[in-house]
N, C-alpha and C. Protein backbone atom coordinates (compact mmCIF):
# COMPACT_ATOMS: atom_id res chain seq x y z
N UNK A 1 21.64 -9.35 8.76
CA UNK A 1 21.52 -9.99 7.45
C UNK A 1 20.33 -10.95 7.47
N UNK A 2 19.48 -10.83 6.47
CA UNK A 2 18.31 -11.70 6.40
C UNK A 2 18.70 -13.11 5.97
N UNK A 3 17.78 -14.05 6.15
CA UNK A 3 18.04 -15.43 5.74
C UNK A 3 18.24 -15.51 4.23
N UNK A 4 17.50 -14.72 3.48
CA UNK A 4 17.67 -14.70 2.03
C UNK A 4 19.06 -14.20 1.66
N UNK A 5 19.51 -13.15 2.33
CA UNK A 5 20.85 -12.62 2.06
C UNK A 5 21.93 -13.63 2.42
N UNK A 6 21.74 -14.37 3.52
CA UNK A 6 22.70 -15.41 3.90
C UNK A 6 22.76 -16.50 2.83
N UNK A 7 21.59 -16.92 2.36
CA UNK A 7 21.54 -17.97 1.32
C UNK A 7 22.18 -17.48 0.02
N UNK A 8 21.94 -16.24 -0.32
CA UNK A 8 22.53 -15.68 -1.55
C UNK A 8 24.04 -15.60 -1.44
N UNK A 9 24.54 -15.25 -0.25
CA UNK A 9 25.99 -15.18 -0.04
C UNK A 9 26.61 -16.57 -0.13
N UNK A 10 25.96 -17.55 0.50
CA UNK A 10 26.46 -18.93 0.43
C UNK A 10 26.51 -19.41 -1.01
N UNK A 11 25.46 -19.15 -1.76
CA UNK A 11 25.40 -19.57 -3.16
C UNK A 11 26.49 -18.89 -3.98
N UNK A 12 26.70 -17.61 -3.73
CA UNK A 12 27.74 -16.88 -4.46
C UNK A 12 29.11 -17.47 -4.16
N UNK A 13 29.39 -17.80 -2.91
CA UNK A 13 30.68 -18.38 -2.53
C UNK A 13 30.89 -19.74 -3.20
N UNK A 14 29.83 -20.55 -3.23
CA UNK A 14 29.93 -21.86 -3.88
C UNK A 14 30.17 -21.72 -5.37
N UNK A 15 29.50 -20.78 -5.98
CA UNK A 15 29.70 -20.56 -7.42
C UNK A 15 31.11 -20.07 -7.71
N UNK A 16 31.66 -19.26 -6.80
CA UNK A 16 33.05 -18.82 -6.96
C UNK A 16 34.01 -20.00 -6.86
N UNK A 17 33.73 -20.93 -5.92
CA UNK A 17 34.57 -22.13 -5.79
C UNK A 17 34.49 -22.96 -7.06
N UNK A 18 33.28 -23.11 -7.59
CA UNK A 18 33.12 -23.89 -8.82
C UNK A 18 33.89 -23.25 -9.97
N UNK A 19 33.82 -21.93 -10.08
CA UNK A 19 34.56 -21.23 -11.14
C UNK A 19 36.06 -21.45 -10.99
N UNK A 20 36.54 -21.40 -9.74
CA UNK A 20 37.97 -21.60 -9.47
C UNK A 20 38.39 -23.03 -9.83
N UNK A 21 37.54 -24.00 -9.50
CA UNK A 21 37.84 -25.40 -9.83
C UNK A 21 37.92 -25.59 -11.35
N UNK A 22 37.00 -24.99 -12.08
CA UNK A 22 37.00 -25.12 -13.53
C UNK A 22 38.25 -24.49 -14.14
N UNK A 23 38.67 -23.37 -13.56
CA UNK A 23 39.91 -22.74 -14.04
C UNK A 23 41.11 -23.65 -13.79
N UNK A 24 41.16 -24.24 -12.58
CA UNK A 24 42.27 -25.15 -12.26
C UNK A 24 42.25 -26.37 -13.19
N UNK A 25 41.05 -26.91 -13.46
CA UNK A 25 40.93 -28.06 -14.35
C UNK A 25 41.40 -27.73 -15.75
N UNK A 26 41.05 -26.53 -16.22
CA UNK A 26 41.49 -26.11 -17.56
C UNK A 26 43.01 -25.99 -17.61
N UNK A 27 43.60 -25.45 -16.55
CA UNK A 27 45.06 -25.30 -16.50
C UNK A 27 45.73 -26.68 -16.46
N UNK A 28 45.16 -27.62 -15.68
CA UNK A 28 45.73 -28.98 -15.61
C UNK A 28 45.63 -29.69 -16.97
N UNK A 29 44.51 -29.48 -17.66
CA UNK A 29 44.33 -30.11 -18.97
C UNK A 29 45.37 -29.60 -19.95
N UNK A 30 45.64 -28.30 -19.90
CA UNK A 30 46.67 -27.72 -20.77
C UNK A 30 48.04 -28.30 -20.45
N UNK A 31 48.33 -28.38 -19.14
CA UNK A 31 49.63 -28.91 -18.73
C UNK A 31 49.76 -30.39 -19.09
N UNK A 32 48.69 -31.15 -18.93
CA UNK A 32 48.74 -32.57 -19.26
C UNK A 32 49.06 -32.76 -20.75
N UNK A 33 48.50 -31.93 -21.55
CA UNK A 33 48.80 -32.02 -22.98
C UNK A 33 50.27 -31.75 -23.27
N UNK A 34 50.87 -30.86 -22.49
CA UNK A 34 52.27 -30.53 -22.72
C UNK A 34 53.23 -31.62 -22.25
N UNK A 35 52.88 -32.30 -21.11
CA UNK A 35 53.83 -33.28 -20.53
C UNK A 35 53.52 -34.72 -20.93
N UNK A 36 52.35 -34.96 -21.52
CA UNK A 36 51.95 -36.34 -21.80
C UNK A 36 52.92 -37.04 -22.76
N UNK A 37 53.32 -36.37 -23.83
CA UNK A 37 54.21 -37.00 -24.82
C UNK A 37 55.53 -37.39 -24.18
N UNK A 38 56.13 -36.49 -23.44
CA UNK A 38 57.41 -36.79 -22.81
C UNK A 38 57.25 -37.89 -21.77
N UNK A 39 56.13 -37.86 -21.04
CA UNK A 39 55.92 -38.87 -20.00
C UNK A 39 55.79 -40.26 -20.60
N UNK A 40 55.17 -40.36 -21.76
CA UNK A 40 54.96 -41.66 -22.39
C UNK A 40 56.10 -42.09 -23.30
N UNK A 41 57.13 -41.26 -23.34
CA UNK A 41 58.32 -41.64 -24.15
C UNK A 41 59.55 -41.76 -23.27
N UNK A 42 59.33 -41.98 -21.97
CA UNK A 42 60.45 -42.32 -21.10
C UNK A 42 60.97 -41.24 -20.19
N UNK A 43 60.44 -40.02 -20.27
CA UNK A 43 60.93 -38.96 -19.39
C UNK A 43 60.32 -39.14 -17.99
N UNK A 44 61.17 -39.48 -17.04
CA UNK A 44 60.69 -39.81 -15.70
C UNK A 44 60.08 -38.60 -14.99
N UNK A 45 60.71 -37.46 -15.17
CA UNK A 45 60.18 -36.25 -14.52
C UNK A 45 58.77 -35.94 -15.05
N UNK A 46 58.63 -36.04 -16.36
CA UNK A 46 57.32 -35.79 -16.96
C UNK A 46 56.31 -36.84 -16.52
N UNK A 47 56.79 -38.12 -16.37
CA UNK A 47 55.91 -39.18 -15.93
C UNK A 47 55.39 -38.92 -14.52
N UNK A 48 56.29 -38.44 -13.67
CA UNK A 48 55.91 -38.14 -12.30
C UNK A 48 54.88 -37.01 -12.27
N UNK A 49 55.13 -35.98 -13.09
CA UNK A 49 54.19 -34.84 -13.13
C UNK A 49 52.85 -35.26 -13.72
N UNK A 50 52.85 -36.13 -14.72
CA UNK A 50 51.62 -36.60 -15.33
C UNK A 50 50.79 -37.38 -14.32
N UNK A 51 51.48 -38.18 -13.50
CA UNK A 51 50.76 -38.93 -12.46
C UNK A 51 50.07 -37.96 -11.48
N UNK A 52 50.79 -36.90 -11.12
CA UNK A 52 50.19 -35.90 -10.22
C UNK A 52 48.97 -35.23 -10.86
N UNK A 53 49.11 -34.96 -12.15
CA UNK A 53 47.98 -34.32 -12.86
C UNK A 53 46.79 -35.26 -12.91
N UNK A 54 47.05 -36.55 -13.17
CA UNK A 54 45.96 -37.52 -13.24
C UNK A 54 45.25 -37.68 -11.89
N UNK A 55 46.06 -37.68 -10.82
CA UNK A 55 45.47 -37.75 -9.47
C UNK A 55 44.60 -36.53 -9.20
N UNK A 56 45.13 -35.35 -9.60
CA UNK A 56 44.40 -34.10 -9.40
C UNK A 56 43.11 -34.09 -10.23
N UNK A 57 43.19 -34.68 -11.45
CA UNK A 57 42.01 -34.72 -12.32
C UNK A 57 40.94 -35.62 -11.72
N UNK A 58 41.37 -36.77 -11.16
CA UNK A 58 40.40 -37.67 -10.52
C UNK A 58 39.77 -37.01 -9.30
N UNK A 59 40.59 -36.30 -8.56
CA UNK A 59 40.08 -35.58 -7.38
C UNK A 59 39.12 -34.48 -7.81
N UNK A 60 39.42 -33.83 -8.94
CA UNK A 60 38.56 -32.76 -9.44
C UNK A 60 37.14 -33.26 -9.68
N UNK A 61 37.03 -34.44 -10.31
CA UNK A 61 35.71 -34.97 -10.62
C UNK A 61 34.87 -35.12 -9.36
N UNK A 62 35.49 -35.65 -8.30
CA UNK A 62 34.76 -35.81 -7.04
C UNK A 62 34.43 -34.47 -6.41
N UNK A 63 35.42 -33.58 -6.41
CA UNK A 63 35.22 -32.26 -5.79
C UNK A 63 34.19 -31.45 -6.56
N UNK A 64 34.23 -31.51 -7.88
CA UNK A 64 33.29 -30.76 -8.70
C UNK A 64 31.87 -31.27 -8.50
N UNK A 65 31.74 -32.60 -8.39
CA UNK A 65 30.42 -33.18 -8.17
C UNK A 65 29.85 -32.74 -6.83
N UNK A 66 30.70 -32.66 -5.81
CA UNK A 66 30.21 -32.23 -4.49
C UNK A 66 29.83 -30.75 -4.49
N UNK A 67 30.61 -29.94 -5.23
CA UNK A 67 30.28 -28.52 -5.33
C UNK A 67 28.95 -28.33 -6.07
N UNK A 68 28.75 -29.10 -7.13
CA UNK A 68 27.50 -29.02 -7.87
C UNK A 68 26.32 -29.40 -6.97
N UNK A 69 26.49 -30.45 -6.17
CA UNK A 69 25.44 -30.86 -5.25
C UNK A 69 25.16 -29.77 -4.22
N UNK A 70 26.25 -29.14 -3.75
CA UNK A 70 26.09 -28.07 -2.76
C UNK A 70 25.35 -26.87 -3.36
N UNK A 71 25.65 -26.56 -4.62
CA UNK A 71 24.98 -25.44 -5.29
C UNK A 71 23.50 -25.74 -5.48
N UNK A 72 23.19 -26.98 -5.86
CA UNK A 72 21.79 -27.37 -6.02
C UNK A 72 21.03 -27.21 -4.70
N UNK A 73 21.65 -27.67 -3.62
CA UNK A 73 21.03 -27.56 -2.30
C UNK A 73 20.89 -26.10 -1.87
N UNK A 74 21.91 -25.30 -2.17
CA UNK A 74 21.86 -23.87 -1.82
C UNK A 74 20.73 -23.17 -2.57
N UNK A 75 20.55 -23.54 -3.84
CA UNK A 75 19.45 -22.97 -4.62
C UNK A 75 18.09 -23.36 -4.04
N UNK A 76 17.98 -24.62 -3.61
CA UNK A 76 16.74 -25.08 -2.99
C UNK A 76 16.44 -24.28 -1.73
N UNK A 77 17.46 -24.08 -0.90
CA UNK A 77 17.26 -23.33 0.34
C UNK A 77 16.91 -21.87 0.06
N UNK A 78 17.54 -21.31 -0.99
CA UNK A 78 17.21 -19.93 -1.36
C UNK A 78 15.76 -19.84 -1.83
N UNK A 79 15.33 -20.82 -2.63
CA UNK A 79 13.93 -20.85 -3.08
C UNK A 79 12.98 -20.97 -1.89
N UNK A 80 13.38 -21.80 -0.91
CA UNK A 80 12.54 -21.96 0.29
C UNK A 80 12.42 -20.65 1.06
N UNK A 81 13.55 -19.96 1.19
CA UNK A 81 13.53 -18.68 1.92
C UNK A 81 12.70 -17.64 1.18
N UNK A 82 12.80 -17.63 -0.15
CA UNK A 82 11.95 -16.71 -0.94
C UNK A 82 10.48 -17.07 -0.74
N UNK A 83 10.19 -18.36 -0.73
CA UNK A 83 8.81 -18.81 -0.52
C UNK A 83 8.31 -18.38 0.86
N UNK A 84 9.16 -18.58 1.86
CA UNK A 84 8.78 -18.19 3.24
C UNK A 84 8.58 -16.69 3.34
N UNK A 85 9.44 -15.94 2.64
CA UNK A 85 9.30 -14.48 2.66
C UNK A 85 7.99 -14.05 2.01
N UNK A 86 7.63 -14.72 0.90
CA UNK A 86 6.36 -14.39 0.24
C UNK A 86 5.18 -14.73 1.15
N UNK A 87 5.28 -15.87 1.85
CA UNK A 87 4.21 -16.24 2.77
C UNK A 87 4.07 -15.21 3.89
N UNK A 88 5.23 -14.78 4.42
CA UNK A 88 5.21 -13.78 5.50
C UNK A 88 4.61 -12.47 5.00
N UNK A 89 4.99 -12.08 3.77
CA UNK A 89 4.44 -10.85 3.19
C UNK A 89 2.94 -10.99 2.97
N UNK A 90 2.54 -12.16 2.44
CA UNK A 90 1.11 -12.39 2.21
C UNK A 90 0.33 -12.33 3.52
N UNK A 91 0.91 -12.90 4.58
CA UNK A 91 0.25 -12.90 5.88
C UNK A 91 0.11 -11.47 6.41
N UNK A 92 1.22 -10.71 6.29
CA UNK A 92 1.19 -9.32 6.76
C UNK A 92 0.18 -8.50 5.94
N UNK A 93 0.16 -8.74 4.62
CA UNK A 93 -0.79 -8.02 3.77
C UNK A 93 -2.23 -8.39 4.11
N UNK A 94 -2.44 -9.68 4.40
CA UNK A 94 -3.79 -10.13 4.76
C UNK A 94 -4.26 -9.45 6.04
N UNK A 95 -3.34 -9.34 7.01
CA UNK A 95 -3.69 -8.68 8.27
C UNK A 95 -3.98 -7.19 8.04
N UNK A 96 -3.16 -6.57 7.18
CA UNK A 96 -3.37 -5.15 6.88
C UNK A 96 -4.69 -4.95 6.15
N UNK A 97 -4.99 -5.86 5.20
CA UNK A 97 -6.24 -5.77 4.46
C UNK A 97 -7.43 -5.92 5.40
N UNK A 98 -7.33 -6.88 6.33
CA UNK A 98 -8.43 -7.09 7.28
C UNK A 98 -8.67 -5.84 8.13
N UNK A 99 -7.57 -5.23 8.58
CA UNK A 99 -7.71 -4.03 9.41
C UNK A 99 -8.30 -2.87 8.60
N UNK A 100 -7.80 -2.68 7.38
CA UNK A 100 -8.32 -1.60 6.53
C UNK A 100 -9.76 -1.86 6.14
N UNK A 101 -10.08 -3.12 5.89
CA UNK A 101 -11.46 -3.48 5.53
C UNK A 101 -12.43 -3.14 6.66
N UNK A 102 -12.00 -3.43 7.89
CA UNK A 102 -12.84 -3.11 9.05
C UNK A 102 -13.03 -1.60 9.17
N UNK A 103 -11.95 -0.84 8.92
CA UNK A 103 -12.05 0.62 8.99
C UNK A 103 -12.94 1.16 7.88
N UNK A 104 -12.82 0.55 6.68
CA UNK A 104 -13.65 0.98 5.55
C UNK A 104 -15.13 0.79 5.89
N UNK A 105 -15.47 -0.38 6.43
CA UNK A 105 -16.85 -0.66 6.81
C UNK A 105 -17.33 0.34 7.86
N UNK A 106 -16.47 0.60 8.84
CA UNK A 106 -16.84 1.53 9.92
C UNK A 106 -17.09 2.94 9.37
N UNK A 107 -16.21 3.38 8.46
CA UNK A 107 -16.34 4.74 7.92
C UNK A 107 -17.61 4.87 7.08
N UNK A 108 -17.92 3.84 6.28
CA UNK A 108 -19.13 3.91 5.46
C UNK A 108 -20.39 3.84 6.32
N UNK A 109 -20.33 3.03 7.39
CA UNK A 109 -21.46 3.01 8.33
C UNK A 109 -21.61 4.38 8.99
N UNK A 110 -20.47 4.97 9.37
CA UNK A 110 -20.52 6.30 9.98
C UNK A 110 -21.09 7.33 9.00
N UNK A 111 -20.71 7.20 7.72
CA UNK A 111 -21.21 8.13 6.71
C UNK A 111 -22.73 8.03 6.59
N UNK A 112 -23.24 6.78 6.55
CA UNK A 112 -24.68 6.61 6.44
C UNK A 112 -25.40 7.17 7.67
N UNK A 113 -24.83 6.89 8.84
CA UNK A 113 -25.44 7.42 10.07
C UNK A 113 -25.41 8.95 10.09
N UNK A 114 -24.27 9.50 9.63
CA UNK A 114 -24.13 10.96 9.63
C UNK A 114 -25.13 11.59 8.66
N UNK A 115 -25.28 10.99 7.47
CA UNK A 115 -26.25 11.52 6.51
C UNK A 115 -27.67 11.42 7.07
N UNK A 116 -27.96 10.27 7.68
CA UNK A 116 -29.30 10.09 8.27
C UNK A 116 -29.55 11.13 9.36
N UNK A 117 -28.54 11.34 10.22
CA UNK A 117 -28.68 12.34 11.28
C UNK A 117 -28.83 13.74 10.68
N UNK A 118 -28.06 14.01 9.60
CA UNK A 118 -28.13 15.33 8.97
C UNK A 118 -29.50 15.61 8.38
N UNK A 119 -30.03 14.63 7.64
CA UNK A 119 -31.36 14.79 7.04
C UNK A 119 -32.42 14.94 8.13
N UNK A 120 -32.29 14.13 9.17
CA UNK A 120 -33.24 14.20 10.28
C UNK A 120 -33.21 15.57 10.94
N UNK A 121 -32.00 16.10 11.10
CA UNK A 121 -31.86 17.42 11.74
C UNK A 121 -32.45 18.52 10.87
N UNK A 122 -32.23 18.42 9.55
CA UNK A 122 -32.79 19.42 8.64
C UNK A 122 -34.32 19.39 8.69
N UNK A 123 -34.90 18.18 8.67
CA UNK A 123 -36.35 18.05 8.72
C UNK A 123 -36.91 18.54 10.06
N UNK A 124 -36.16 18.27 11.13
CA UNK A 124 -36.59 18.76 12.45
C UNK A 124 -36.55 20.28 12.48
N UNK A 125 -35.48 20.84 11.88
CA UNK A 125 -35.37 22.30 11.84
C UNK A 125 -36.52 22.89 11.02
N UNK A 126 -36.88 22.22 9.90
CA UNK A 126 -38.01 22.68 9.09
C UNK A 126 -39.30 22.69 9.90
N UNK A 127 -39.52 21.65 10.70
CA UNK A 127 -40.71 21.57 11.54
C UNK A 127 -40.71 22.67 12.60
N UNK A 128 -39.53 22.89 13.18
CA UNK A 128 -39.42 23.96 14.18
C UNK A 128 -39.72 25.32 13.57
N UNK A 129 -39.26 25.52 12.32
CA UNK A 129 -39.54 26.79 11.64
C UNK A 129 -41.05 26.96 11.42
N UNK A 130 -41.73 25.87 11.07
CA UNK A 130 -43.20 25.93 10.90
C UNK A 130 -43.87 26.35 12.20
N UNK A 131 -43.39 25.80 13.31
CA UNK A 131 -43.95 26.17 14.62
C UNK A 131 -43.68 27.65 14.92
N UNK A 132 -42.49 28.12 14.54
CA UNK A 132 -42.16 29.53 14.74
C UNK A 132 -43.08 30.41 13.89
N UNK A 133 -43.32 29.97 12.65
CA UNK A 133 -44.24 30.74 11.79
C UNK A 133 -45.64 30.81 12.40
N UNK A 134 -46.08 29.69 13.00
CA UNK A 134 -47.40 29.67 13.65
C UNK A 134 -47.47 30.64 14.82
N UNK A 135 -46.30 30.93 15.39
CA UNK A 135 -46.25 31.86 16.52
C UNK A 135 -46.01 33.30 16.06
N UNK A 136 -45.98 33.49 14.74
CA UNK A 136 -45.87 34.84 14.22
C UNK A 136 -44.53 35.25 13.68
N UNK A 137 -43.53 34.37 13.77
CA UNK A 137 -42.21 34.70 13.22
C UNK A 137 -42.30 34.68 11.70
N UNK A 138 -41.76 35.69 11.05
CA UNK A 138 -41.89 35.80 9.59
C UNK A 138 -40.60 35.48 8.84
N UNK A 139 -39.46 35.57 9.50
CA UNK A 139 -38.19 35.36 8.82
C UNK A 139 -37.31 34.41 9.64
N UNK A 140 -36.74 33.41 9.00
CA UNK A 140 -36.71 33.18 7.55
C UNK A 140 -37.99 32.52 7.06
N UNK A 141 -38.33 32.84 5.83
CA UNK A 141 -39.52 32.23 5.23
C UNK A 141 -39.20 30.80 4.79
N UNK A 142 -40.25 30.05 4.47
CA UNK A 142 -40.04 28.68 4.00
C UNK A 142 -39.17 28.62 2.74
N UNK A 143 -39.43 29.46 1.73
CA UNK A 143 -38.58 29.42 0.53
C UNK A 143 -37.12 29.76 0.83
N UNK A 144 -36.92 30.78 1.71
CA UNK A 144 -35.55 31.16 2.06
C UNK A 144 -34.85 30.03 2.79
N UNK A 145 -35.58 29.38 3.69
CA UNK A 145 -35.02 28.24 4.41
C UNK A 145 -34.64 27.13 3.43
N UNK A 146 -35.57 26.80 2.53
CA UNK A 146 -35.32 25.71 1.59
C UNK A 146 -34.12 26.01 0.70
N UNK A 147 -34.08 27.21 0.13
CA UNK A 147 -33.00 27.57 -0.79
C UNK A 147 -31.64 27.49 -0.09
N UNK A 148 -31.56 28.04 1.11
CA UNK A 148 -30.28 28.07 1.81
C UNK A 148 -29.86 26.71 2.34
N UNK A 149 -30.83 25.88 2.73
CA UNK A 149 -30.50 24.52 3.16
C UNK A 149 -29.91 23.74 1.99
N UNK A 150 -30.52 23.90 0.81
CA UNK A 150 -29.99 23.22 -0.39
C UNK A 150 -28.58 23.72 -0.70
N UNK A 151 -28.36 25.03 -0.58
CA UNK A 151 -27.02 25.58 -0.81
C UNK A 151 -26.02 25.01 0.20
N UNK A 152 -26.45 24.89 1.45
CA UNK A 152 -25.56 24.34 2.48
C UNK A 152 -25.21 22.88 2.17
N UNK A 153 -26.21 22.13 1.70
CA UNK A 153 -25.95 20.73 1.33
C UNK A 153 -24.97 20.67 0.16
N UNK A 154 -25.17 21.54 -0.84
CA UNK A 154 -24.24 21.59 -1.97
C UNK A 154 -22.83 21.99 -1.52
N UNK A 155 -22.77 22.89 -0.55
CA UNK A 155 -21.47 23.31 -0.01
C UNK A 155 -20.73 22.12 0.59
N UNK A 156 -21.47 21.29 1.34
CA UNK A 156 -20.86 20.09 1.93
C UNK A 156 -20.41 19.13 0.83
N UNK A 157 -21.28 18.94 -0.17
CA UNK A 157 -20.96 18.00 -1.27
C UNK A 157 -19.69 18.43 -2.00
N UNK A 158 -19.50 19.74 -2.14
CA UNK A 158 -18.34 20.23 -2.87
C UNK A 158 -17.03 20.06 -2.12
N UNK A 159 -17.08 19.45 -0.95
CA UNK A 159 -15.84 19.09 -0.25
C UNK A 159 -15.28 17.76 -0.78
N UNK A 160 -16.09 17.05 -1.58
CA UNK A 160 -15.64 15.78 -2.16
C UNK A 160 -14.62 16.04 -3.26
N UNK A 161 -13.85 15.01 -3.67
CA UNK A 161 -12.94 15.17 -4.81
C UNK A 161 -13.70 15.60 -6.06
N UNK A 162 -13.00 16.30 -6.96
CA UNK A 162 -13.64 16.90 -8.13
C UNK A 162 -14.38 15.88 -8.98
N UNK A 163 -13.79 14.69 -9.18
CA UNK A 163 -14.45 13.70 -10.03
C UNK A 163 -15.72 13.15 -9.38
N UNK A 164 -15.82 13.22 -8.04
CA UNK A 164 -17.07 12.84 -7.37
C UNK A 164 -18.12 13.92 -7.59
N UNK A 165 -17.69 15.18 -7.46
CA UNK A 165 -18.63 16.30 -7.59
C UNK A 165 -19.26 16.32 -8.99
N UNK A 166 -18.45 15.90 -9.99
CA UNK A 166 -18.94 15.92 -11.37
C UNK A 166 -20.15 15.02 -11.57
N UNK A 167 -20.33 14.03 -10.71
CA UNK A 167 -21.48 13.13 -10.83
C UNK A 167 -22.76 13.74 -10.28
N UNK A 168 -22.64 14.87 -9.59
CA UNK A 168 -23.84 15.56 -9.10
C UNK A 168 -24.28 16.58 -10.14
N UNK A 169 -25.55 16.56 -10.44
CA UNK A 169 -26.06 17.43 -11.50
C UNK A 169 -26.54 18.75 -10.92
N UNK A 170 -25.59 19.60 -10.54
CA UNK A 170 -25.95 20.95 -10.13
C UNK A 170 -24.78 21.87 -10.44
N UNK A 171 -25.10 23.13 -10.60
CA UNK A 171 -24.07 24.11 -10.91
C UNK A 171 -23.19 24.34 -9.69
N UNK A 172 -21.88 24.38 -9.92
CA UNK A 172 -20.95 24.55 -8.81
C UNK A 172 -21.13 25.92 -8.15
N UNK A 173 -21.01 25.92 -6.84
CA UNK A 173 -21.12 27.18 -6.08
C UNK A 173 -19.78 27.88 -6.04
N UNK A 174 -19.81 29.18 -6.20
CA UNK A 174 -18.59 29.96 -6.00
C UNK A 174 -18.37 30.11 -4.49
N UNK A 175 -17.18 30.48 -4.08
CA UNK A 175 -16.92 30.63 -2.63
C UNK A 175 -17.90 31.57 -1.93
N UNK A 176 -18.30 32.64 -2.63
CA UNK A 176 -19.22 33.60 -2.00
C UNK A 176 -20.64 33.06 -1.88
N UNK A 177 -20.96 32.05 -2.69
CA UNK A 177 -22.31 31.47 -2.65
C UNK A 177 -22.45 30.38 -1.58
N UNK A 178 -21.35 29.86 -1.13
CA UNK A 178 -21.41 28.72 -0.21
C UNK A 178 -21.99 29.14 1.14
N UNK A 179 -22.71 28.20 1.75
CA UNK A 179 -23.30 28.43 3.07
C UNK A 179 -23.02 27.20 3.94
N UNK A 180 -22.99 27.44 5.24
CA UNK A 180 -22.82 26.35 6.19
C UNK A 180 -23.99 26.37 7.17
N UNK A 181 -24.39 25.19 7.61
CA UNK A 181 -25.56 25.10 8.49
C UNK A 181 -25.38 25.94 9.75
N UNK A 182 -24.21 25.91 10.34
CA UNK A 182 -23.98 26.69 11.56
C UNK A 182 -24.08 28.19 11.27
N UNK A 183 -23.56 28.57 10.09
CA UNK A 183 -23.64 29.99 9.69
C UNK A 183 -25.10 30.41 9.53
N UNK A 184 -25.90 29.57 8.86
CA UNK A 184 -27.32 29.88 8.69
C UNK A 184 -28.03 29.92 10.04
N UNK A 185 -27.73 28.94 10.89
CA UNK A 185 -28.38 28.88 12.20
C UNK A 185 -28.12 30.14 13.00
N UNK A 186 -26.86 30.57 13.02
CA UNK A 186 -26.51 31.77 13.80
C UNK A 186 -27.24 33.01 13.25
N UNK A 187 -27.26 33.13 11.91
CA UNK A 187 -27.90 34.31 11.30
C UNK A 187 -29.41 34.31 11.54
N UNK A 188 -30.03 33.16 11.30
CA UNK A 188 -31.49 33.11 11.44
C UNK A 188 -31.94 33.23 12.89
N UNK A 189 -31.21 32.59 13.77
CA UNK A 189 -31.56 32.69 15.20
C UNK A 189 -31.42 34.12 15.70
N UNK A 190 -30.45 34.85 15.13
CA UNK A 190 -30.31 36.25 15.51
C UNK A 190 -31.50 37.07 14.99
N UNK A 191 -31.94 36.74 13.75
CA UNK A 191 -33.12 37.42 13.20
C UNK A 191 -34.35 37.17 14.07
N UNK A 192 -34.51 35.90 14.46
CA UNK A 192 -35.67 35.55 15.28
C UNK A 192 -35.58 36.24 16.65
N UNK A 193 -34.38 36.28 17.19
CA UNK A 193 -34.18 36.95 18.47
C UNK A 193 -34.54 38.44 18.35
N UNK A 194 -34.17 39.02 17.21
CA UNK A 194 -34.49 40.43 16.99
C UNK A 194 -36.00 40.62 16.92
N UNK A 195 -36.70 39.67 16.26
CA UNK A 195 -38.16 39.76 16.17
C UNK A 195 -38.79 39.64 17.56
N UNK A 196 -38.20 38.78 18.41
CA UNK A 196 -38.70 38.68 19.78
C UNK A 196 -38.55 40.02 20.48
N UNK A 197 -37.37 40.65 20.27
CA UNK A 197 -37.13 41.96 20.88
C UNK A 197 -38.11 43.00 20.40
N UNK A 198 -38.43 42.96 19.09
CA UNK A 198 -39.39 43.93 18.55
C UNK A 198 -40.77 43.72 19.17
N UNK A 199 -41.16 42.48 19.40
CA UNK A 199 -42.48 42.19 20.01
C UNK A 199 -42.55 42.73 21.43
N UNK A 200 -41.44 42.57 22.14
CA UNK A 200 -41.38 43.09 23.50
C UNK A 200 -41.59 44.61 23.52
N UNK A 201 -40.99 45.26 22.51
CA UNK A 201 -41.13 46.71 22.45
C UNK A 201 -42.57 47.11 22.17
N UNK A 202 -43.22 46.30 21.27
CA UNK A 202 -44.60 46.60 20.93
C UNK A 202 -45.51 46.43 22.16
N UNK A 203 -45.22 45.38 22.92
CA UNK A 203 -46.03 45.12 24.11
C UNK A 203 -45.87 46.23 25.14
N UNK A 204 -44.60 46.69 25.25
CA UNK A 204 -44.33 47.75 26.23
C UNK A 204 -45.02 49.03 25.80
């Protein structure tokens, strides 16, 4: 049982006691009205009972005041526990926010590094293709390389959520149109390897 639950249970019990006291007081008031006339007109039995009721009424005032004080204190303690619980929740949330914030920063830094590495790799591949062309390799051509690299980049972009993709101004690729850098690399490197093989045959 949590501290809040304990405080709520204590408060409920005190309120039940107060309700019971009020019921008893109401019953005594009704009875006093019934016996008061007889008690004040000489009936000894009624006088004795009226005295008991008056004593009980005086005791009620003291008991009710103490119950009221106890309920006020119980409410204060319950408020304190709620306040402490909110502080604990705020602290836990702050720690969670700090951890998530650090991860968010790390992921965005990683994204920038990854994009920078990707662009650098594409430009390096373009330069390597130029060197291959200088050595007589004809395929893939510069236009073919450019077109397919752009398609591969679009393919990667289309992995984003749909509302992100909508902010890019290009026609969506169908599944058959999509390309991946590894797929292009494997196909083109095989073409170049075949051209190397053809040169060997010519030399022989």
